[in-house]
Amino acid sequence: MNLSDSRTAGQQTGVSTFPLARLSAAEAVFNAIRGEIQSGGLAVGAKLSSEAALASQYGVSRSVIREALRSCTALGLTVTKTGRGTFVVADHVANDLVLGQFSARDLTEARPHIEVPAAGLAAERRTPEDLEILRGIMASMAGETDPEAWVALDSSFHAAIARASGNKVFESVVADIRDALAHQSETLNMVADRQYASDVEHRHILDAIEAGSAAEASAAMAEHLRAVGEALDSILNR
């Protein structure tokens, strides 16, 4: 298999064409590795090839390989040991996702208690500068085709809302979980194709904050987090 680092229009084998228009190179690599693990082609305990070898095998950059492997680790399929490589530790998705310092369950339980009221306060307290920052992030996200860059913007959007709330506790907590949020978004985009839906949900949140409606901003954030939770459940229950 050979993939470019950009989104591909399709891959042709013989007379059959397999549409990959919605798959990034990292998604395609992730799906290939996950398929090998779940089919037994890569058995539990097996060591994956090096990043350089995998990059050569799939015709992509090492950063694409790292992105795909992070999602394999988040799903509990592999573990990377510094200086030793990446090993298969399970042939099925774990009961929870590992997202850096926190788990998906940690985030799902905590975020509604933090980000929903933060969005409401942001609608009441946002400054012209806050709105300019949020609009700029949204505009960048809408035109971003690089998955890693989009994930960074996603976590920046949520952090900016927490800052706009004017509540230092909310701002600090979201800053503390920012890396985990990025890991979660990366995995959801790759496994559940969440990027476009998230853009739409973020727009509803920003519209409510711009309108100064605390109730609508809180509701929009709650709906976004509900959708994220459903996507996580769909991954864990496969």
Foldseek 3Di string as FASTA:
>chain_A
DADEQAFDQWDDDDPDIDGRNLPGLLLVLLVVVLVCLLVVVADAFRFDDDLVVSCVVHNYDSVSVVLSVLLCVQQVQWDADPPPHIGGHDSAGDLWGDQDPDIPVVCLVPVLVQQLQLLLLLLQQADPVLLVVLVVLLVCLVPDRNLLVNLLSVLVNSLSSNVSSVDVVSNVVSVVCSSSSSSLSSNLCSPVVCSVVLSVLSVQLSVSSPVSHSVSNSVSVVVSSVVSVVSRVVRSVD
